[in-house]
Amino acid sequence: MAKQLDYHTIREIFTRFQQSEPEPKGELDHVNAYTLVVAVALSAQATDKGVNKATAELFKIADTPQKMLDLGEDGLIEHIKTIGLFRNKAKNVIKLSRILVDDYDGEVPCSRAALESLPGVGRKTANVVLNMWWRYPAQAVDTHIFRFGNRSGVCPGKDVVAVERAIEDNIPVDFQLHAHHWMILHGRYTCVARKPKCNACLIRDLCQFEDKTP
């Protein structure tokens, strides 16, 4: 685990990220808050590309909780059976759809606690939805951010909650809205798990990772 970087270094890192991609976007396809919740829930232990392929037709016919209930669990499975853990995920999507219809008038709630109360929705999923749909600076820490944060010193921490807190405490607030997207994309395409592409890294000179690849 690297040491926590100082304010000025972190500001320079995110200035470079912002200059490279001013408006980073999440890569999960969705058409509203509900389909975003479903897409993120389906993405656990699956790739965004795989989820997008499975939901391309699904969201054309089931883009609200009631339409998903009308489709039913078996109908949902037919669309998502290429995704890992699809049976359990289908059960959770139907359950959360029922709760949204019964308890929230078919609308997706916009508090972290309410979102986390839904089956199959954890803190990371809730933070993605709060950030991407309501543009709240919530930080969804995944494996890419955890790896990057600890390698670079931007947001080191022994677990995802510690990394989330390090992001909130140390990254300047003017970068907070897009912070997790910049870090996810950097971790997904540059600071990869094996053989990170340090020679192509925007922040190579600022990163504390000791085993930089040539």
C-alpha atoms as a PDB file:
ATOM      1  CA  MET A   1       0.000   0.000   0.000  1.00  0.00           C
ATOM      2  CA  ALA A   2       1.429   3.378  -1.012  1.00  0.00           C
ATOM      3  CA  LYS A   3       1.463   6.384   1.308  1.00  0.00           C
ATOM      4  CA  GLN A   4      -1.332   8.916   0.940  1.00  0.00           C
ATOM      5  CA  LEU A   5      -0.353  11.541  -1.642  1.00  0.00           C
ATOM      6  CA  ASP A   6      -0.483  15.224  -0.736  1.00  0.00           C
ATOM      7  CA  TYR A   7      -3.117  17.706  -1.901  1.00  0.00           C
ATOM      8  CA  HIS A   8      -1.071  19.337  -4.662  1.00  0.00           C
ATOM      9  CA  THR A   9      -0.065  16.019  -6.242  1.00  0.00           C
ATOM     10  CA  ILE A  10      -3.639  14.744  -6.199  1.00  0.00           C
ATOM     11  CA  ARG A  11      -4.861  18.005  -7.729  1.00  0.00           C
ATOM     12  CA  GLU A  12      -2.333  17.652 -10.541  1.00  0.00           C
ATOM     13  CA  ILE A  13      -3.359  14.019 -11.140  1.00  0.00           C
ATOM     14  CA  PHE A  14      -7.044  14.878 -11.507  1.00  0.00           C
ATOM     15  CA  THR A  15      -6.287  17.973 -13.552  1.00  0.00           C
ATOM     16  CA  ARG A  16      -4.585  15.667 -16.062  1.00  0.00           C
ATOM     17  CA  PHE A  17      -7.489  13.205 -15.971  1.00  0.00           C
ATOM     18  CA  GLN A  18      -9.927  16.071 -16.558  1.00  0.00           C
ATOM     19  CA  GLN A  19      -7.898  17.494 -19.445  1.00  0.00           C
ATOM     20  CA  SER A  20      -7.767  14.045 -21.046  1.00  0.00           C
ATOM     21  CA  GLU A  21     -11.506  13.328 -20.609  1.00  0.00           C
ATOM     22  CA  PRO A  22     -13.573  16.264 -19.295  1.00  0.00           C
ATOM     23  CA  GLU A  23     -16.851  14.307 -19.010  1.00  0.00           C
ATOM     24  CA  PRO A  24     -16.110  10.644 -18.285  1.00  0.00           C
ATOM     25  CA  LYS A  25     -19.092   8.311 -18.614  1.00  0.00           C
ATOM     26  CA  GLY A  26     -20.007   5.020 -17.033  1.00  0.00           C
ATOM     27  CA  GLU A  27     -20.056   2.194 -19.554  1.00  0.00           C
ATOM     28  CA  LEU A  28     -23.317   0.496 -18.551  1.00  0.00           C
ATOM     29  CA  ASP A  29     -26.194   1.219 -20.949  1.00  0.00           C
ATOM     30  CA  HIS A  30     -29.422   2.439 -19.337  1.00  0.00           C
ATOM     31  CA  VAL A  31     -32.417   4.616 -20.174  1.00  0.00           C
ATOM     32  CA  ASN A  32     -33.609   5.698 -16.723  1.00  0.00           C
ATOM     33  CA  ALA A  33     -32.852   5.306 -13.013  1.00  0.00           C
ATOM     34  CA  TYR A  34     -34.552   1.915 -12.844  1.00  0.00           C
ATOM     35  CA  THR A  35     -32.634   0.362 -15.737  1.00  0.00           C
ATOM     36  CA  LEU A  36     -29.424   1.764 -14.238  1.00  0.00           C
ATOM     37  CA  VAL A  37     -30.171  -0.013 -10.936  1.00  0.00           C
ATOM     38  CA  VAL A  38     -30.844  -3.261 -12.821  1.00  0.00           C
ATOM     39  CA  ALA A  39     -27.742  -2.921 -15.009  1.00  0.00           C
ATOM     40  CA  VAL A  40     -25.443  -2.264 -12.052  1.00  0.00           C
ATOM     41  CA  ALA A  41     -26.975  -5.134 -10.073  1.00  0.00           C
ATOM     42  CA  LEU A  42     -26.413  -7.446 -13.054  1.00  0.00           C
ATOM     43  CA  SER A  43     -22.805  -6.279 -13.454  1.00  0.00           C
ATOM     44  CA  ALA A  44     -21.510  -7.948 -10.281  1.00  0.00           C
ATOM     45  CA  GLN A  45     -18.843 -10.461 -11.354  1.00  0.00           C
ATOM     46  CA  ALA A  46     -19.626  -9.660 -14.997  1.00  0.00           C
ATOM     47  CA  THR A  47     -18.253  -7.259 -17.594  1.00  0.00           C
ATOM     48  CA  ASP A  48     -20.098  -4.098 -18.603  1.00  0.00           C
ATOM     49  CA  LYS A  49     -19.898  -5.260 -22.216  1.00  0.00           C
ATOM     50  CA  GLY A  50     -21.565  -8.560 -21.332  1.00  0.00           C
ATOM     51  CA  VAL A  51     -24.307  -6.813 -19.361  1.00  0.00           C
ATOM     52  CA  ASN A  52     -24.966  -4.337 -22.180  1.00  0.00           C
ATOM     53  CA  LYS A  53     -25.315  -7.192 -24.653  1.00  0.00           C
ATOM     54  CA  ALA A  54     -27.845  -8.936 -22.395  1.00  0.00           C
ATOM     55  CA  THR A  55     -29.892  -5.826 -21.619  1.00  0.00           C
ATOM     56  CA  ALA A  56     -30.044  -4.373 -25.150  1.00  0.00           C
ATOM     57  CA  GLU A  57     -33.324  -6.164 -25.885  1.00  0.00           C
ATOM     58  CA  LEU A  58     -34.449  -6.504 -22.260  1.00  0.00           C
ATOM     59  CA  PHE A  59     -34.702  -2.760 -21.667  1.00  0.00           C
ATOM     60  CA  LYS A  60     -36.788  -2.313 -24.812  1.00  0.00           C
ATOM     61  CA  ILE A  61     -39.584  -4.322 -23.204  1.00  0.00           C
ATOM     62  CA  ALA A  62     -38.938  -3.949 -19.458  1.00  0.00           C
ATOM     63  CA  ASP A  63     -37.762  -0.447 -18.581  1.00  0.00           C
ATOM     64  CA  THR A  64     -39.970  -0.015 -15.490  1.00  0.00           C
ATOM     65  CA  PRO A  65     -40.464  -2.156 -12.377  1.00  0.00           C
ATOM     66  CA  GLN A  66     -44.017  -3.084 -13.411  1.00  0.00           C
ATOM     67  CA  LYS A  67     -42.971  -4.130 -16.902  1.00  0.00           C
ATOM     68  CA  MET A  68     -40.228  -6.284 -15.350  1.00  0.00           C
ATOM     69  CA  LEU A  69     -42.806  -7.943 -13.102  1.00  0.00           C
ATOM     70  CA  ASP A  70     -45.029  -8.511 -16.128  1.00  0.00           C
ATOM     71  CA  LEU A  71     -42.091 -10.156 -17.917  1.00  0.00           C
ATOM     72  CA  GLY A  72     -41.554 -12.439 -14.932  1.00  0.00           C
ATOM     73  CA  GLU A  73     -38.522 -14.283 -13.626  1.00  0.00           C
ATOM     74  CA  ASP A  74     -38.452 -16.894 -16.389  1.00  0.00           C
ATOM     75  CA  GLY A  75     -38.757 -14.230 -19.067  1.00  0.00           C
ATOM     76  CA  LEU A  76     -35.954 -12.234 -17.457  1.00  0.00           C
ATOM     77  CA  ILE A  77     -33.705 -15.290 -17.305  1.00  0.00           C
ATOM     78  CA  GLU A  78     -34.049 -15.755 -21.051  1.00  0.00           C
ATOM     79  CA  HIS A  79     -32.478 -12.321 -21.545  1.00  0.00           C
ATOM     80  CA  ILE A  80     -29.698 -12.524 -18.941  1.00  0.00           C
ATOM     81  CA  LYS A  81     -28.660 -16.196 -19.036  1.00  0.00           C
ATOM     82  CA  THR A  82     -25.307 -15.256 -20.605  1.00  0.00           C
ATOM     83  CA  ILE A  83     -24.384 -13.356 -17.412  1.00  0.00           C
ATOM     84  CA  GLY A  84     -22.769 -15.065 -14.443  1.00  0.00           C
ATOM     85  CA  LEU A  85     -25.039 -15.927 -11.488  1.00  0.00           C
ATOM     86  CA  PHE A  86     -28.036 -15.131 -13.690  1.00  0.00           C
ATOM     87  CA  ARG A  87     -30.587 -17.145 -11.695  1.00  0.00           C
ATOM     88  CA  ASN A  88     -29.847 -15.408  -8.407  1.00  0.00           C
ATOM     89  CA  LYS A  89     -29.668 -12.032 -10.138  1.00  0.00           C
ATOM     90  CA  ALA A  90     -33.033 -12.635 -11.799  1.00  0.00           C
ATOM     91  CA  LYS A  91     -34.600 -13.404  -8.408  1.00  0.00           C
ATOM     92  CA  ASN A  92     -33.168 -10.180  -6.964  1.00  0.00           C
ATOM     93  CA  VAL A  93     -34.315  -8.045  -9.903  1.00  0.00           C
ATOM     94  CA  ILE A  94     -37.861  -9.360  -9.590  1.00  0.00           C
ATOM     95  CA  LYS A  95     -37.820  -8.848  -5.806  1.00  0.00           C
ATOM     96  CA  LEU A  96     -36.487  -5.290  -6.034  1.00  0.00           C
ATOM     97  CA  SER A  97     -39.014  -4.512  -8.775  1.00  0.00           C
ATOM     98  CA  ARG A  98     -41.833  -5.692  -6.510  1.00  0.00           C
ATOM     99  CA  ILE A  99     -40.555  -3.509  -3.650  1.00  0.00           C
ATOM    100  CA  LEU A 100     -40.288  -0.479  -5.940  1.00  0.00           C
ATOM    101  CA  VAL A 101     -43.876  -0.969  -7.111  1.00  0.00           C
ATOM    102  CA  ASP A 102     -45.313  -1.663  -3.664  1.00  0.00           C
ATOM    103  CA  ASP A 103     -43.302   0.758  -1.517  1.00  0.00           C
ATOM    104  CA  TYR A 104     -42.035   3.510  -3.838  1.00  0.00           C
ATOM    105  CA  ASP A 105     -44.825   3.946  -6.421  1.00  0.00           C
ATOM    106  CA  GLY A 106     -42.582   2.435  -9.075  1.00  0.00           C
ATOM    107  CA  GLU A 107     -39.893   5.105  -8.613  1.00  0.00           C
ATOM    108  CA  VAL A 108     -36.262   4.528  -7.643  1.00  0.00           C
ATOM    109  CA  PRO A 109     -35.473   6.150  -4.262  1.00  0.00           C
ATOM    110  CA  CYS A 110     -32.532   8.532  -4.085  1.00  0.00           C
ATOM    111  CA  SER A 111     -31.001   7.847  -0.695  1.00  0.00           C
ATOM    112  CA  ARG A 112     -28.181   5.395  -0.162  1.00  0.00           C
ATOM    113  CA  ALA A 113     -30.003   3.642   2.684  1.00  0.00           C
ATOM    114  CA  ALA A 114     -33.175   3.134   0.646  1.00  0.00           C
ATOM    115  CA  LEU A 115     -31.220   1.864  -2.336  1.00  0.00           C
ATOM    116  CA  GLU A 116     -29.175  -0.524  -0.172  1.00  0.00           C
ATOM    117  CA  SER A 117     -32.397  -1.969   1.229  1.00  0.00           C
ATOM    118  CA  LEU A 118     -33.229  -3.377  -2.213  1.00  0.00           C
ATOM    119  CA  PRO A 119     -32.294  -7.036  -2.898  1.00  0.00           C
ATOM    120  CA  GLY A 120     -29.005  -7.336  -4.773  1.00  0.00           C
ATOM    121  CA  VAL A 121     -28.103  -3.674  -4.233  1.00  0.00           C
ATOM    122  CA  GLY A 122     -25.038  -3.023  -2.092  1.00  0.00           C
ATOM    123  CA  ARG A 123     -23.156   0.147  -1.250  1.00  0.00           C
ATOM    124  CA  LYS A 124     -21.217   0.146  -4.535  1.00  0.00           C
ATOM    125  CA  THR A 125     -24.390  -0.206  -6.631  1.00  0.00           C
ATOM    126  CA  ALA A 126     -26.137   2.490  -4.606  1.00  0.00           C
ATOM    127  CA  ASN A 127     -23.205   4.864  -5.079  1.00  0.00           C
ATOM    128  CA  VAL A 128     -23.117   4.252  -8.843  1.00  0.00           C
ATOM    129  CA  VAL A 129     -26.812   5.105  -9.122  1.00  0.00           C
ATOM    130  CA  LEU A 130     -26.537   8.193  -6.912  1.00  0.00           C
ATOM    131  CA  ASN A 131     -23.566   9.408  -8.938  1.00  0.00           C
ATOM    132  CA  MET A 132     -24.639   8.585 -12.480  1.00  0.00           C
ATOM    133  CA  TRP A 133     -28.337   9.412 -12.243  1.00  0.00           C
ATOM    134  CA  TRP A 134     -28.572  12.109  -9.582  1.00  0.00           C
ATOM    135  CA  ARG A 135     -25.054  13.487 -10.070  1.00  0.00           C
ATOM    136  CA  TYR A 136     -24.273  13.205  -6.383  1.00  0.00           C
ATOM    137  CA  PRO A 137     -20.522  12.862  -5.669  1.00  0.00           C
ATOM    138  CA  ALA A 138     -20.796   9.317  -4.305  1.00  0.00           C
ATOM    139  CA  GLN A 139     -17.729   7.126  -4.818  1.00  0.00           C
ATOM    140  CA  ALA A 140     -18.342   3.589  -6.054  1.00  0.00           C
ATOM    141  CA  VAL A 141     -15.171   1.682  -5.178  1.00  0.00           C
ATOM    142  CA  ASP A 142     -14.606  -1.383  -7.338  1.00  0.00           C
ATOM    143  CA  THR A 143     -11.534  -3.572  -7.875  1.00  0.00           C
ATOM    144  CA  HIS A 144     -10.081  -1.094 -10.387  1.00  0.00           C
ATOM    145  CA  ILE A 145     -10.278   1.847  -7.984  1.00  0.00           C
ATOM    146  CA  PHE A 146      -9.039  -0.256  -5.062  1.00  0.00           C
ATOM    147  CA  ARG A 147      -5.984  -1.327  -7.073  1.00  0.00           C
ATOM    148  CA  PHE A 148      -5.253   2.118  -8.491  1.00  0.00           C
ATOM    149  CA  GLY A 149      -5.793   3.897  -5.174  1.00  0.00           C
ATOM    150  CA  ASN A 150      -3.394   1.650  -3.321  1.00  0.00           C
ATOM    151  CA  ARG A 151      -0.750   1.554  -6.053  1.00  0.00           C
ATOM    152  CA  SER A 152      -0.679   5.274  -6.723  1.00  0.00           C
ATOM    153  CA  GLY A 153      -1.292   6.699  -3.262  1.00  0.00           C
ATOM    154  CA  VAL A 154      -4.327   8.688  -4.446  1.00  0.00           C
ATOM    155  CA  CYS A 155      -6.669   6.865  -2.054  1.00  0.00           C
ATOM    156  CA  PRO A 156      -4.964   3.997  -0.208  1.00  0.00           C
ATOM    157  CA  GLY A 157      -6.972   1.845   2.184  1.00  0.00           C
ATOM    158  CA  LYS A 158      -7.153  -1.700   3.515  1.00  0.00           C
ATOM    159  CA  ASP A 159     -10.753  -2.203   2.355  1.00  0.00           C
ATOM    160  CA  VAL A 160     -13.284  -0.560   0.037  1.00  0.00           C
ATOM    161  CA  VAL A 161     -14.822   1.556   2.813  1.00  0.00           C
ATOM    162  CA  ALA A 162     -11.389   2.936   3.760  1.00  0.00           C
ATOM    163  CA  VAL A 163     -10.665   3.714   0.097  1.00  0.00           C
ATOM    164  CA  GLU A 164     -14.047   5.421  -0.261  1.00  0.00           C
ATOM    165  CA  ARG A 165     -13.288   7.559   2.773  1.00  0.00           C
ATOM    166  CA  ALA A 166      -9.812   8.388   1.415  1.00  0.00           C
ATOM    167  CA  ILE A 167     -11.395   9.581  -1.846  1.00  0.00           C
ATOM    168  CA  GLU A 168     -13.893  11.785  -0.014  1.00  0.00           C
ATOM    169  CA  ASP A 169     -11.262  13.166   2.366  1.00  0.00           C
ATOM    170  CA  ASN A 170      -8.385  13.786  -0.040  1.00  0.00           C
ATOM    171  CA  ILE A 171      -9.629  14.438  -3.582  1.00  0.00           C
ATOM    172  CA  PRO A 172     -10.507  18.130  -4.076  1.00  0.00           C
ATOM    173  CA  VAL A 173     -14.258  18.657  -4.180  1.00  0.00           C
ATOM    174  CA  ASP A 174     -14.244  20.133  -7.688  1.00  0.00           C
ATOM    175  CA  PHE A 175     -13.157  16.698  -8.965  1.00  0.00           C
ATOM    176  CA  GLN A 176     -15.409  14.573  -6.738  1.00  0.00           C
ATOM    177  CA  LEU A 177     -18.331  14.171  -9.142  1.00  0.00           C
ATOM    178  CA  HIS A 178     -16.262  12.418 -11.793  1.00  0.00           C
ATOM    179  CA  ALA A 179     -13.484  11.027  -9.568  1.00  0.00           C
ATOM    180  CA  HIS A 180     -14.627   7.422  -9.496  1.00  0.00           C
ATOM    181  CA  HIS A 181     -15.195   7.329 -13.263  1.00  0.00           C
ATOM    182  CA  TRP A 182     -11.724   8.653 -14.006  1.00  0.00           C
ATOM    183  CA  MET A 183     -10.206   6.096 -11.651  1.00  0.00           C
ATOM    184  CA  ILE A 184     -12.288   3.172 -12.950  1.00  0.00           C
ATOM    185  CA  LEU A 185     -11.379   3.939 -16.548  1.00  0.00           C
ATOM    186  CA  HIS A 186      -7.714   4.398 -15.643  1.00  0.00           C
ATOM    187  CA  GLY A 187      -7.707   1.109 -13.729  1.00  0.00           C
ATOM    188  CA  ARG A 188      -9.605  -0.727 -16.456  1.00  0.00           C
ATOM    189  CA  TYR A 189      -7.461   0.369 -19.394  1.00  0.00           C
ATOM    190  CA  THR A 190      -4.083   1.607 -18.083  1.00  0.00           C
ATOM    191  CA  CYS A 191      -3.400   0.602 -14.470  1.00  0.00           C
ATOM    192  CA  VAL A 192      -4.425  -2.988 -15.163  1.00  0.00           C
ATOM    193  CA  ALA A 193      -3.863  -5.817 -12.704  1.00  0.00           C
ATOM    194  CA  ARG A 194      -1.144  -7.601 -14.645  1.00  0.00           C
ATOM    195  CA  LYS A 195       1.513  -5.645 -16.489  1.00  0.00           C
ATOM    196  CA  PRO A 196       0.129  -2.140 -15.969  1.00  0.00           C
ATOM    197  CA  LYS A 197       0.735   0.120 -18.950  1.00  0.00           C
ATOM    198  CA  CYS A 198       2.987   2.524 -17.090  1.00  0.00           C
ATOM    199  CA  ASN A 199       4.711   3.679 -20.285  1.00  0.00           C
ATOM    200  CA  ALA A 200       1.359   5.056 -21.495  1.00  0.00           C
ATOM    201  CA  CYS A 201       0.257   6.466 -18.136  1.00  0.00           C
ATOM    202  CA  LEU A 202      -0.738  10.123 -17.818  1.00  0.00           C
ATOM    203  CA  ILE A 203       0.460  10.278 -14.229  1.00  0.00           C
ATOM    204  CA  ARG A 204       3.527   8.028 -14.283  1.00  0.00           C
ATOM    205  CA  ASP A 205       5.743  10.761 -12.789  1.00  0.00           C
ATOM    206  CA  LEU A 206       3.304  11.336  -9.896  1.00  0.00           C
ATOM    207  CA  CYS A 207       2.410   7.728  -9.073  1.00  0.00           C
ATOM    208  CA  GLN A 208       4.102   5.987  -6.122  1.00  0.00           C
ATOM    209  CA  PHE A 209       3.849   2.470  -7.565  1.00  0.00           C
ATOM    210  CA  GLU A 210       7.341   0.988  -7.184  1.00  0.00           C
ATOM    211  CA  ASP A 211       7.110  -1.799  -9.779  1.00  0.00           C
ATOM    212  CA  LYS A 212       6.407   0.376 -12.796  1.00  0.00           C
ATOM    213  CA  THR A 213       6.611  -1.454 -16.102  1.00  0.00           C
ATOM    214  CA  PRO A 214       9.001   0.019 -18.694  1.00  0.00           C
END
